[in-house]
Amino acid sequence: MSEFQKQFDALLDKYTELLIGDTSPEKKEMVTQYALYSFVAKQMPALVKHWNSLYPDGKEEMKKIIGEIKELNEAHREEMNRKKKDE
């Protein structure tokens, strides 16, 4: 692994930790897919619309990933807020 790859992996680790509080490989992969899909959807919405029509199963899987990340993020924020109140 190159130095840049290690550095970029550290960025992804931290983003995943801050977003959902879990840096397991499967969660990191979910966050990577979520981040890339979200970016492409904002930058090239026509491409995502085309992809969604070509791959409806992929679209449904992405909706599940987005929903799970939202739930994990909300739970993580609640936990962090509780910890702040306890201090």
PDB file of N, CA and C in Angstrom:
ATOM      1  N   MET A   1       0.854  -1.178   0.000  1.00  0.00           N
ATOM      2  CA  MET A   1       0.000   0.000   0.000  1.00  0.00           C
ATOM      3  C   MET A   1       0.900   1.240   0.000  1.00  0.00           C
ATOM      4  N   SER A   2       0.627   2.160  -0.904  1.00  0.00           N
ATOM      5  CA  SER A   2       1.440   3.377  -0.989  1.00  0.00           C
ATOM      6  C   SER A   2       1.140   4.297   0.191  1.00  0.00           C
ATOM      7  N   GLU A   3       2.001   5.266   0.376  1.00  0.00           N
ATOM      8  CA  GLU A   3       1.818   6.232   1.466  1.00  0.00           C
ATOM      9  C   GLU A   3       0.498   6.979   1.295  1.00  0.00           C
ATOM     10  N   PHE A   4       0.199   7.391   0.063  1.00  0.00           N
ATOM     11  CA  PHE A   4      -1.065   8.084  -0.184  1.00  0.00           C
ATOM     12  C   PHE A   4      -2.253   7.195   0.154  1.00  0.00           C
ATOM     13  N   GLN A   5      -2.203   5.931  -0.241  1.00  0.00           N
ATOM     14  CA  GLN A   5      -3.305   5.012   0.055  1.00  0.00           C
ATOM     15  C   GLN A   5      -3.516   4.890   1.561  1.00  0.00           C
ATOM     16  N   LYS A   6      -2.428   4.830   2.316  1.00  0.00           N
ATOM     17  CA  LYS A   6      -2.535   4.765   3.781  1.00  0.00           C
ATOM     18  C   LYS A   6      -3.166   6.039   4.325  1.00  0.00           C
ATOM     19  N   GLN A   7      -2.730   7.174   3.805  1.00  0.00           N
ATOM     20  CA  GLN A   7      -3.269   8.454   4.263  1.00  0.00           C
ATOM     21  C   GLN A   7      -4.747   8.579   3.914  1.00  0.00           C
ATOM     22  N   PHE A   8      -5.107   8.176   2.699  1.00  0.00           N
ATOM     23  CA  PHE A   8      -6.504   8.256   2.283  1.00  0.00           C
ATOM     24  C   PHE A   8      -7.362   7.292   3.093  1.00  0.00           C
ATOM     25  N   ASP A   9      -6.824   6.119   3.396  1.00  0.00           N
ATOM     26  CA  ASP A   9      -7.531   5.149   4.228  1.00  0.00           C
ATOM     27  C   ASP A   9      -7.770   5.717   5.624  1.00  0.00           C
ATOM     28  N   ALA A  10      -6.800   6.469   6.136  1.00  0.00           N
ATOM     29  CA  ALA A  10      -6.970   7.109   7.443  1.00  0.00           C
ATOM     30  C   ALA A  10      -8.099   8.139   7.394  1.00  0.00           C
ATOM     31  N   LEU A  11      -8.193   8.871   6.279  1.00  0.00           N
ATOM     32  CA  LEU A  11      -9.282   9.829   6.104  1.00  0.00           C
ATOM     33  C   LEU A  11     -10.625   9.113   6.098  1.00  0.00           C
ATOM     34  N   LEU A  12     -10.703   8.024   5.373  1.00  0.00           N
ATOM     35  CA  LEU A  12     -11.938   7.253   5.306  1.00  0.00           C
ATOM     36  C   LEU A  12     -12.293   6.653   6.665  1.00  0.00           C
ATOM     37  N   ASP A  13     -11.295   6.167   7.390  1.00  0.00           N
ATOM     38  CA  ASP A  13     -11.523   5.656   8.750  1.00  0.00           C
ATOM     39  C   ASP A  13     -12.142   6.727   9.633  1.00  0.00           C
ATOM     40  N   LYS A  14     -11.555   7.918   9.609  1.00  0.00           N
ATOM     41  CA  LYS A  14     -12.029   9.002  10.476  1.00  0.00           C
ATOM     42  C   LYS A  14     -13.430   9.444  10.074  1.00  0.00           C
ATOM     43  N   TYR A  15     -13.676   9.568   8.776  1.00  0.00           N
ATOM     44  CA  TYR A  15     -15.003   9.956   8.303  1.00  0.00           C
ATOM     45  C   TYR A  15     -16.048   8.938   8.754  1.00  0.00           C
ATOM     46  N   THR A  16     -15.731   7.660   8.603  1.00  0.00           N
ATOM     47  CA  THR A  16     -16.650   6.597   9.003  1.00  0.00           C
ATOM     48  C   THR A  16     -16.896   6.647  10.505  1.00  0.00           C
ATOM     49  N   GLU A  17     -15.833   6.843  11.275  1.00  0.00           N
ATOM     50  CA  GLU A  17     -15.965   6.933  12.735  1.00  0.00           C
ATOM     51  C   GLU A  17     -16.848   8.109  13.135  1.00  0.00           C
ATOM     52  N   LEU A  18     -16.615   9.267  12.545  1.00  0.00           N
ATOM     53  CA  LEU A  18     -17.402  10.448  12.892  1.00  0.00           C
ATOM     54  C   LEU A  18     -18.844  10.333  12.416  1.00  0.00           C
ATOM     55  N   LEU A  19     -19.049   9.675  11.291  1.00  0.00           N
ATOM     56  CA  LEU A  19     -20.394   9.558  10.726  1.00  0.00           C
ATOM     57  C   LEU A  19     -21.247   8.545  11.468  1.00  0.00           C
ATOM     58  N   ILE A  20     -20.678   7.345  11.739  1.00  0.00           N
ATOM     59  CA  ILE A  20     -21.504   6.280  12.321  1.00  0.00           C
ATOM     60  C   ILE A  20     -20.902   5.628  13.556  1.00  0.00           C
ATOM     61  N   GLY A  21     -19.668   5.983  13.906  1.00  0.00           N
ATOM     62  CA  GLY A  21     -19.070   5.447  15.127  1.00  0.00           C
ATOM     63  C   GLY A  21     -18.558   4.025  15.027  1.00  0.00           C
ATOM     64  N   ASP A  22     -18.423   3.493  13.823  1.00  0.00           N
ATOM     65  CA  ASP A  22     -17.980   2.106  13.632  1.00  0.00           C
ATOM     66  C   ASP A  22     -17.074   2.063  12.412  1.00  0.00           C
ATOM     67  N   THR A  23     -15.840   1.590  12.590  1.00  0.00           N
ATOM     68  CA  THR A  23     -14.897   1.571  11.471  1.00  0.00           C
ATOM     69  C   THR A  23     -14.590   0.158  10.983  1.00  0.00           C
ATOM     70  N   SER A  24     -15.524  -0.754  11.181  1.00  0.00           N
ATOM     71  CA  SER A  24     -15.316  -2.114  10.676  1.00  0.00           C
ATOM     72  C   SER A  24     -15.208  -2.067   9.149  1.00  0.00           C
ATOM     73  N   PRO A  25     -14.519  -3.032   8.560  1.00  0.00           N
ATOM     74  CA  PRO A  25     -14.363  -3.029   7.093  1.00  0.00           C
ATOM     75  C   PRO A  25     -15.691  -2.973   6.334  1.00  0.00           C
ATOM     76  N   GLU A  26     -16.704  -3.692   6.817  1.00  0.00           N
ATOM     77  CA  GLU A  26     -17.989  -3.669   6.094  1.00  0.00           C
ATOM     78  C   GLU A  26     -18.649  -2.301   6.189  1.00  0.00           C
ATOM     79  N   LYS A  27     -18.544  -1.643   7.335  1.00  0.00           N
ATOM     80  CA  LYS A  27     -19.139  -0.307   7.479  1.00  0.00           C
ATOM     81  C   LYS A  27     -18.364   0.718   6.657  1.00  0.00           C
ATOM     82  N   LYS A  28     -17.036   0.570   6.620  1.00  0.00           N
ATOM     83  CA  LYS A  28     -16.226   1.463   5.791  1.00  0.00           C
ATOM     84  C   LYS A  28     -16.608   1.330   4.322  1.00  0.00           C
ATOM     85  N   GLU A  29     -16.846   0.122   3.877  1.00  0.00           N
ATOM     86  CA  GLU A  29     -17.253  -0.101   2.486  1.00  0.00           C
ATOM     87  C   GLU A  29     -18.613   0.539   2.223  1.00  0.00           C
ATOM     88  N   MET A  30     -19.537   0.404   3.166  1.00  0.00           N
ATOM     89  CA  MET A  30     -20.852   1.036   3.026  1.00  0.00           C
ATOM     90  C   MET A  30     -20.711   2.551   2.919  1.00  0.00           C
ATOM     91  N   VAL A  31     -19.902   3.130   3.799  1.00  0.00           N
ATOM     92  CA  VAL A  31     -19.719   4.582   3.801  1.00  0.00           C
ATOM     93  C   VAL A  31     -19.051   5.034   2.503  1.00  0.00           C
ATOM     94  N   THR A  32     -18.107   4.261   2.001  1.00  0.00           N
ATOM     95  CA  THR A  32     -17.457   4.589   0.731  1.00  0.00           C
ATOM     96  C   THR A  32     -18.482   4.608  -0.398  1.00  0.00           C
ATOM     97  N   GLN A  33     -19.328   3.594  -0.459  1.00  0.00           N
ATOM     98  CA  GLN A  33     -20.358   3.528  -1.499  1.00  0.00           C
ATOM     99  C   GLN A  33     -21.340   4.686  -1.352  1.00  0.00           C
ATOM    100  N   TYR A  34     -21.750   4.954  -0.119  1.00  0.00           N
ATOM    101  CA  TYR A  34     -22.674   6.051   0.169  1.00  0.00           C
ATOM    102  C   TYR A  34     -22.078   7.394  -0.260  1.00  0.00           C
ATOM    103  N   ALA A  35     -20.824   7.641   0.113  1.00  0.00           N
ATOM    104  CA  ALA A  35     -20.187   8.921  -0.198  1.00  0.00           C
ATOM    105  C   ALA A  35     -20.037   9.107  -1.706  1.00  0.00           C
ATOM    106  N   LEU A  36     -19.602   8.069  -2.393  1.00  0.00           N
ATOM    107  CA  LEU A  36     -19.413   8.175  -3.839  1.00  0.00           C
ATOM    108  C   LEU A  36     -20.751   8.350  -4.555  1.00  0.00           C
ATOM    109  N   TYR A  37     -21.747   7.580  -4.165  1.00  0.00           N
ATOM    110  CA  TYR A  37     -23.066   7.682  -4.792  1.00  0.00           C
ATOM    111  C   TYR A  37     -23.643   9.081  -4.565  1.00  0.00           C
ATOM    112  N   SER A  38     -23.528   9.586  -3.337  1.00  0.00           N
ATOM    113  CA  SER A  38     -24.049  10.922  -3.021  1.00  0.00           C
ATOM    114  C   SER A  38     -23.346  11.994  -3.842  1.00  0.00           C
ATOM    115  N   PHE A  39     -22.029  11.875  -3.957  1.00  0.00           N
ATOM    116  CA  PHE A  39     -21.262  12.844  -4.734  1.00  0.00           C
ATOM    117  C   PHE A  39     -21.683  12.819  -6.203  1.00  0.00           C
ATOM    118  N   VAL A  40     -21.754  11.635  -6.778  1.00  0.00           N
ATOM    119  CA  VAL A  40     -22.125  11.517  -8.191  1.00  0.00           C
ATOM    120  C   VAL A  40     -23.555  12.011  -8.405  1.00  0.00           C
ATOM    121  N   ALA A  41     -24.446  11.712  -7.471  1.00  0.00           N
ATOM    122  CA  ALA A  41     -25.838  12.149  -7.598  1.00  0.00           C
ATOM    123  C   ALA A  41     -25.939  13.673  -7.629  1.00  0.00           C
ATOM    124  N   LYS A  42     -25.070  14.354  -6.884  1.00  0.00           N
ATOM    125  CA  LYS A  42     -25.094  15.820  -6.871  1.00  0.00           C
ATOM    126  C   LYS A  42     -24.385  16.409  -8.086  1.00  0.00           C
ATOM    127  N   GLN A  43     -23.294  15.779  -8.508  1.00  0.00           N
ATOM    128  CA  GLN A  43     -22.500  16.318  -9.608  1.00  0.00           C
ATOM    129  C   GLN A  43     -23.051  15.938 -10.985  1.00  0.00           C
ATOM    130  N   MET A  44     -23.584  14.739 -11.101  1.00  0.00           N
ATOM    131  CA  MET A  44     -24.080  14.239 -12.388  1.00  0.00           C
ATOM    132  C   MET A  44     -25.390  13.485 -12.183  1.00  0.00           C
ATOM    133  N   PRO A  45     -26.449  14.213 -11.851  1.00  0.00           N
ATOM    134  CA  PRO A  45     -27.716  13.533 -11.558  1.00  0.00           C
ATOM    135  C   PRO A  45     -28.236  12.684 -12.715  1.00  0.00           C
ATOM    136  N   ALA A  46     -27.983  13.099 -13.942  1.00  0.00           N
ATOM    137  CA  ALA A  46     -28.459  12.310 -15.085  1.00  0.00           C
ATOM    138  C   ALA A  46     -27.783  10.938 -15.128  1.00  0.00           C
ATOM    139  N   LEU A  47     -26.516  10.883 -14.756  1.00  0.00           N
ATOM    140  CA  LEU A  47     -25.803   9.606 -14.731  1.00  0.00           C
ATOM    141  C   LEU A  47     -26.417   8.669 -13.695  1.00  0.00           C
ATOM    142  N   VAL A  48     -26.709   9.199 -12.520  1.00  0.00           N
ATOM    143  CA  VAL A  48     -27.311   8.369 -11.471  1.00  0.00           C
ATOM    144  C   VAL A  48     -28.711   7.931 -11.880  1.00  0.00           C
ATOM    145  N   LYS A  49     -29.465   8.819 -12.502  1.00  0.00           N
ATOM    146  CA  LYS A  49     -30.802   8.449 -12.976  1.00  0.00           C
ATOM    147  C   LYS A  49     -30.700   7.318 -13.998  1.00  0.00           C
ATOM    148  N   HIS A  50     -29.747   7.424 -14.904  1.00  0.00           N
ATOM    149  CA  HIS A  50     -29.528   6.376 -15.908  1.00  0.00           C
ATOM    150  C   HIS A  50     -29.126   5.061 -15.227  1.00  0.00           C
ATOM    151  N   TRP A  51     -28.190   5.130 -14.280  1.00  0.00           N
ATOM    152  CA  TRP A  51     -27.738   3.936 -13.549  1.00  0.00           C
ATOM    153  C   TRP A  51     -28.911   3.299 -12.808  1.00  0.00           C
ATOM    154  N   ASN A  52     -29.720   4.142 -12.151  1.00  0.00           N
ATOM    155  CA  ASN A  52     -30.881   3.630 -11.417  1.00  0.00           C
ATOM    156  C   ASN A  52     -31.841   2.884 -12.340  1.00  0.00           C
ATOM    157  N   SER A  53     -32.013   3.394 -13.561  1.00  0.00           N
ATOM    158  CA  SER A  53     -32.932   2.723 -14.490  1.00  0.00           C
ATOM    159  C   SER A  53     -32.327   1.431 -15.043  1.00  0.00           C
ATOM    160  N   LEU A  54     -31.009   1.412 -15.228  1.00  0.00           N
ATOM    161  CA  LEU A  54     -30.346   0.195 -15.704  1.00  0.00           C
ATOM    162  C   LEU A  54     -30.282  -0.891 -14.638  1.00  0.00           C
ATOM    163  N   TYR A  55     -30.103  -0.466 -13.402  1.00  0.00           N
ATOM    164  CA  TYR A  55     -29.878  -1.406 -12.298  1.00  0.00           C
ATOM    165  C   TYR A  55     -30.852  -1.137 -11.145  1.00  0.00           C
ATOM    166  N   PRO A  56     -32.130  -1.469 -11.326  1.00  0.00           N
ATOM    167  CA  PRO A  56     -33.102  -1.201 -10.255  1.00  0.00           C
ATOM    168  C   PRO A  56     -32.764  -1.929  -8.952  1.00  0.00           C
ATOM    169  N   ASP A  57     -32.162  -3.117  -9.049  1.00  0.00           N
ATOM    170  CA  ASP A  57     -31.760  -3.827  -7.829  1.00  0.00           C
ATOM    171  C   ASP A  57     -30.644  -3.071  -7.115  1.00  0.00           C
ATOM    172  N   GLY A  58     -29.721  -2.510  -7.890  1.00  0.00           N
ATOM    173  CA  GLY A  58     -28.651  -1.699  -7.312  1.00  0.00           C
ATOM    174  C   GLY A  58     -29.203  -0.458  -6.641  1.00  0.00           C
ATOM    175  N   LYS A  59     -30.201   0.148  -7.275  1.00  0.00           N
ATOM    176  CA  LYS A  59     -30.846   1.327  -6.690  1.00  0.00           C
ATOM    177  C   LYS A  59     -31.479   0.972  -5.346  1.00  0.00           C
ATOM    178  N   GLU A  60     -32.164  -0.157  -5.289  1.00  0.00           N
ATOM    179  CA  GLU A  60     -32.796  -0.580  -4.034  1.00  0.00           C
ATOM    180  C   GLU A  60     -31.753  -0.866  -2.958  1.00  0.00           C
ATOM    181  N   GLU A  61     -30.654  -1.495  -3.344  1.00  0.00           N
ATOM    182  CA  GLU A  61     -29.579  -1.769  -2.385  1.00  0.00           C
ATOM    183  C   GLU A  61     -28.987  -0.463  -1.867  1.00  0.00           C
ATOM    184  N   MET A  62     -28.818   0.514  -2.747  1.00  0.00           N
ATOM    185  CA  MET A  62     -28.284   1.810  -2.324  1.00  0.00           C
ATOM    186  C   MET A  62     -29.250   2.498  -1.374  1.00  0.00           C
ATOM    187  N   LYS A  63     -30.546   2.388  -1.631  1.00  0.00           N
ATOM    188  CA  LYS A  63     -31.532   2.966  -0.718  1.00  0.00           C
ATOM    189  C   LYS A  63     -31.421   2.333   0.663  1.00  0.00           C
ATOM    190  N   LYS A  64     -31.184   1.018   0.710  1.00  0.00           N
ATOM    191  CA  LYS A  64     -31.004   0.332   1.996  1.00  0.00           C
ATOM    192  C   LYS A  64     -29.749   0.833   2.703  1.00  0.00           C
ATOM    193  N   ILE A  65     -28.670   0.974   1.945  1.00  0.00           N
ATOM    194  CA  ILE A  65     -27.410   1.457   2.523  1.00  0.00           C
ATOM    195  C   ILE A  65     -27.595   2.861   3.085  1.00  0.00           C
ATOM    196  N   ILE A  66     -28.226   3.737   2.322  1.00  0.00           N
ATOM    197  CA  ILE A  66     -28.454   5.111   2.774  1.00  0.00           C
ATOM    198  C   ILE A  66     -29.314   5.114   4.031  1.00  0.00           C
ATOM    199  N   GLY A  67     -30.365   4.299   4.058  1.00  0.00           N
ATOM    200  CA  GLY A  67     -31.226   4.216   5.236  1.00  0.00           C
ATOM    201  C   GLY A  67     -30.479   3.713   6.455  1.00  0.00           C
ATOM    202  N   GLU A  68     -29.649   2.695   6.268  1.00  0.00           N
ATOM    203  CA  GLU A  68     -28.883   2.150   7.390  1.00  0.00           C
ATOM    204  C   GLU A  68     -27.877   3.172   7.910  1.00  0.00           C
ATOM    205  N   ILE A  69     -27.229   3.883   7.016  1.00  0.00           N
ATOM    206  CA  ILE A  69     -26.269   4.900   7.450  1.00  0.00           C
ATOM    207  C   ILE A  69     -26.981   6.012   8.205  1.00  0.00           C
ATOM    208  N   LYS A  70     -28.159   6.407   7.748  1.00  0.00           N
ATOM    209  CA  LYS A  70     -28.930   7.431   8.464  1.00  0.00           C
ATOM    210  C   LYS A  70     -29.257   6.971   9.885  1.00  0.00           C
ATOM    211  N   GLU A  71     -29.699   5.729  10.013  1.00  0.00           N
ATOM    212  CA  GLU A  71     -30.026   5.192  11.339  1.00  0.00           C
ATOM    213  C   GLU A  71     -28.791   5.125  12.231  1.00  0.00           C
ATOM    214  N   LEU A  72     -27.689   4.629  11.680  1.00  0.00           N
ATOM    215  CA  LEU A  72     -26.453   4.534  12.455  1.00  0.00           C
ATOM    216  C   LEU A  72     -25.952   5.918  12.854  1.00  0.00           C
ATOM    217  N   ASN A  73     -26.085   6.886  11.953  1.00  0.00           N
ATOM    218  CA  ASN A  73     -25.654   8.248  12.249  1.00  0.00           C
ATOM    219  C   ASN A  73     -26.490   8.857  13.371  1.00  0.00           C
ATOM    220  N   GLU A  74     -27.798   8.667  13.313  1.00  0.00           N
ATOM    221  CA  GLU A  74     -28.670   9.202  14.362  1.00  0.00           C
ATOM    222  C   GLU A  74     -28.351   8.572  15.710  1.00  0.00           C
ATOM    223  N   ALA A  75     -28.154   7.265  15.731  1.00  0.00           N
ATOM    224  CA  ALA A  75     -27.817   6.576  16.979  1.00  0.00           C
ATOM    225  C   ALA A  75     -26.467   7.052  17.505  1.00  0.00           C
ATOM    226  N   HIS A  76     -25.510   7.240  16.619  1.00  0.00           N
ATOM    227  CA  HIS A  76     -24.182   7.705  17.022  1.00  0.00           C
ATOM    228  C   HIS A  76     -24.263   9.121  17.594  1.00  0.00           C
ATOM    229  N   ARG A  77     -25.027   9.996  16.954  1.00  0.00           N
ATOM    230  CA  ARG A  77     -25.179  11.370  17.464  1.00  0.00           C
ATOM    231  C   ARG A  77     -25.845  11.376  18.830  1.00  0.00           C
ATOM    232  N   GLU A  78     -26.870  10.553  19.005  1.00  0.00           N
ATOM    233  CA  GLU A  78     -27.534  10.476  20.308  1.00  0.00           C
ATOM    234  C   GLU A  78     -26.565  10.009  21.384  1.00  0.00           C
ATOM    235  N   GLU A  79     -25.764   9.009  21.059  1.00  0.00           N
ATOM    236  CA  GLU A  79     -24.780   8.499  22.017  1.00  0.00           C
ATOM    237  C   GLU A  79     -23.751   9.573  22.361  1.00  0.00           C
ATOM    238  N   MET A  80     -23.285  10.299  21.371  1.00  0.00           N
ATOM    239  CA  MET A  80     -22.302  11.358  21.615  1.00  0.00           C
ATOM    240  C   MET A  80     -22.911  12.476  22.456  1.00  0.00           C
ATOM    241  N   ASN A  81     -24.164  12.813  22.204  1.00  0.00           N
ATOM    242  CA  ASN A  81     -24.838  13.846  22.997  1.00  0.00           C
ATOM    243  C   ASN A  81     -25.014  13.403  24.441  1.00  0.00           C
ATOM    244  N   ARG A  82     -25.339  12.115  24.653  1.00  0.00           N
ATOM    245  CA  ARG A  82     -25.462  11.590  26.019  1.00  0.00           C
ATOM    246  C   ARG A  82     -24.129  11.671  26.748  1.00  0.00           C
ATOM    247  N   LYS A  83     -23.057  11.323  26.053  1.00  0.00           N
ATOM    248  CA  LYS A  83     -21.726  11.374  26.666  1.00  0.00           C
ATOM    249  C   LYS A  83     -21.359  12.800  27.052  1.00  0.00           C
ATOM    250  N   LYS A  84     -21.711  13.769  26.211  1.00  0.00           N
ATOM    251  CA  LYS A  84     -21.422  15.171  26.516  1.00  0.00           C
ATOM    252  C   LYS A  84     -22.197  15.623  27.745  1.00  0.00           C
ATOM    253  N   LYS A  85     -23.450  15.182  27.862  1.00  0.00           N
ATOM    254  CA  LYS A  85     -24.269  15.560  29.014  1.00  0.00           C
ATOM    255  C   LYS A  85     -23.736  14.944  30.298  1.00  0.00           C
ATOM    256  N   ASP A  86     -23.174  13.745  30.193  1.00  0.00           N
ATOM    257  CA  ASP A  86     -22.651  13.049  31.370  1.00  0.00           C
ATOM    258  C   ASP A  86     -21.345  13.650  31.875  1.00  0.00           C
ATOM    259  N   GLU A  87     -20.669  14.419  31.046  1.00  0.00           N
ATOM    260  CA  GLU A  87     -19.376  14.990  31.460  1.00  0.00           C
ATOM    261  C   GLU A  87     -19.538  16.157  32.383  1.00  0.00           C
TER     262      GLU A  87
END
